[in-house]
Amino acid sequence: MDESDSFCINCGVKLENNTKFCPKCGLRVDPNDDSNENIRYVKDGQNQKGRSKEGKSHSGAWYLLPIFLGFIGGLIMWLVLRDDNKSMAQKGMIVGIIISVIVGIYYIATWFAIMTMDYPFT
């Protein structure tokens, strides 16, 4: 892999050939020093953080939307994350659907139980 495909491990800025220090954060990143661990070489299909270009990292707090809002929260999560992290967006949608089905079954069972109760007031 080229030295032109190297990035600072501290700030992620792309490094020029034979750069001894990161131009953004000043970290020593001498590519000629074999013991230097401050450089990350990027493979095809990855970004400078070493993650897949197709999957950005997002907070797990996104799962609170489908947990509290059910299907609507899952839909919002899917619409926001579908381009950055397709897998997480799909999982959020599934969680939203499952929560909505569980809540729906609970409401139907509760309604049925109330409707079939014998009231002592009649």
Protein backbone atom coordinates (compact mmCIF):
# COMPACT_ATOMS: atom_id res chain seq x y z
CA MET A 1 0.00 0.00 0.00
CA ASP A 2 1.18 3.53 -0.77
CA GLU A 3 2.32 5.95 1.85
CA SER A 4 -0.22 8.28 0.22
CA ASP A 5 -2.92 6.05 1.69
CA SER A 6 -1.94 6.81 5.27
CA PHE A 7 -3.85 8.73 7.91
CA CYS A 8 -2.99 10.10 11.34
CA ILE A 9 -4.32 7.71 13.96
CA ASN A 10 -4.99 10.62 16.34
CA CYS A 11 -7.09 12.99 14.20
CA GLY A 12 -7.70 11.05 10.97
CA VAL A 13 -6.26 13.62 8.57
CA LYS A 14 -4.71 12.25 5.37
CA LEU A 15 -0.90 12.39 5.45
CA GLU A 16 1.29 13.42 2.57
CA ASN A 17 4.30 11.34 1.49
CA ASN A 18 7.27 11.39 3.90
CA THR A 19 5.48 13.60 6.45
CA LYS A 20 7.15 13.39 9.86
CA PHE A 21 4.42 15.22 11.80
CA CYS A 22 0.66 15.43 11.36
CA PRO A 23 -0.18 18.84 9.87
CA LYS A 24 -3.39 19.07 11.93
CA CYS A 25 -2.57 17.77 15.42
CA GLY A 26 1.25 17.69 15.38
CA LEU A 27 1.60 14.00 16.29
CA ARG A 28 4.88 12.41 15.16
CA VAL A 29 3.97 10.15 12.22
CA ASP A 30 7.26 9.42 10.47
CA PRO A 31 6.43 6.74 7.83
CA ASN A 32 10.10 5.71 7.61
CA ASP A 33 10.10 4.68 11.29
CA ASP A 34 9.03 1.01 11.39
CA SER A 35 8.12 1.21 15.08
CA ASN A 36 5.72 4.14 14.54
CA GLU A 37 2.18 3.13 15.48
CA ASN A 38 0.68 6.58 14.86
CA ILE A 39 -0.11 5.87 11.20
CA ARG A 40 -3.07 3.88 9.98
CA TYR A 41 -2.86 2.51 6.45
CA VAL A 42 -6.23 2.25 4.78
CA LYS A 43 -7.31 -0.72 2.70
CA ASP A 44 -9.69 -0.46 -0.22
CA GLY A 45 -13.29 -0.25 0.95
CA GLN A 46 -12.45 1.38 4.29
CA ASN A 47 -12.30 4.93 5.55
CA GLN A 48 -9.49 6.49 7.61
CA LYS A 49 -10.94 5.18 10.88
CA GLY A 50 -10.65 1.61 9.56
CA ARG A 51 -14.42 1.12 9.31
CA SER A 52 -16.27 0.04 6.25
CA LYS A 53 -17.30 3.00 4.08
CA GLU A 54 -20.81 1.58 4.05
CA GLY A 55 -21.26 1.47 7.82
CA LYS A 56 -20.69 4.56 9.95
CA SER A 57 -20.73 4.12 13.67
CA HIS A 58 -23.79 5.53 15.48
CA SER A 59 -24.78 5.63 19.12
CA GLY A 60 -26.92 2.87 20.54
CA ALA A 61 -29.20 5.60 21.89
CA TRP A 62 -30.95 5.48 18.52
CA TYR A 63 -32.68 2.31 19.75
CA LEU A 64 -34.61 4.42 22.28
CA LEU A 65 -36.78 5.74 19.44
CA PRO A 66 -38.35 2.40 18.48
CA ILE A 67 -38.48 1.28 22.12
CA PHE A 68 -40.56 4.28 23.21
CA LEU A 69 -42.35 5.14 19.96
CA GLY A 70 -42.76 1.67 18.46
CA PHE A 71 -43.25 1.49 14.71
CA ILE A 72 -43.08 5.30 14.27
CA GLY A 73 -39.74 5.43 16.14
CA GLY A 74 -38.40 2.55 14.06
CA LEU A 75 -39.46 4.34 10.89
CA ILE A 76 -37.76 7.57 11.98
CA MET A 77 -34.59 5.63 12.87
CA TRP A 78 -34.63 3.86 9.51
CA LEU A 79 -35.14 7.11 7.57
CA VAL A 80 -32.27 8.84 9.36
CA LEU A 81 -29.73 5.98 9.38
CA ARG A 82 -30.50 4.07 6.17
CA ASP A 83 -27.68 5.70 4.15
CA ASP A 84 -25.02 5.65 6.88
CA ASN A 85 -25.65 2.33 8.62
CA LYS A 86 -28.12 0.11 6.80
CA SER A 87 -27.81 -2.77 9.27
CA MET A 88 -28.56 -0.61 12.31
CA ALA A 89 -31.46 1.06 10.47
CA GLN A 90 -32.99 -2.32 9.66
CA LYS A 91 -32.57 -3.57 13.24
CA GLY A 92 -34.24 -0.40 14.55
CA MET A 93 -37.18 -0.90 12.21
CA ILE A 94 -37.53 -4.53 13.33
CA VAL A 95 -37.40 -3.49 17.02
CA GLY A 96 -40.10 -0.89 16.32
CA ILE A 97 -42.36 -3.45 14.63
CA ILE A 98 -41.86 -6.01 17.43
CA ILE A 99 -42.58 -3.43 20.15
CA SER A 100 -45.72 -2.29 18.29
CA VAL A 101 -47.00 -5.86 17.94
CA ILE A 102 -46.37 -6.62 21.63
CA VAL A 103 -48.13 -3.42 22.75
CA GLY A 104 -51.01 -4.12 20.35
CA ILE A 105 -51.48 -7.65 21.72
CA TYR A 106 -51.39 -6.28 25.28
CA TYR A 107 -54.08 -3.70 24.50
CA ILE A 108 -56.31 -6.24 22.76
CA ALA A 109 -55.94 -8.71 25.65
CA THR A 110 -56.69 -5.97 28.19
CA TRP A 111 -59.73 -4.77 26.24
CA PHE A 112 -61.01 -8.35 25.93
CA ALA A 113 -60.51 -8.97 29.67
CA ILE A 114 -62.38 -5.78 30.57
CA MET A 115 -65.24 -6.55 28.19
CA THR A 116 -65.73 -10.06 29.54
CA MET A 117 -65.63 -9.11 33.23
CA ASP A 118 -68.77 -9.42 35.29
CA TYR A 119 -69.61 -6.10 36.80
CA PRO A 120 -71.33 -6.23 40.21
CA PHE A 121 -73.02 -2.89 39.46
CA THR A 122 -75.55 -4.16 36.90
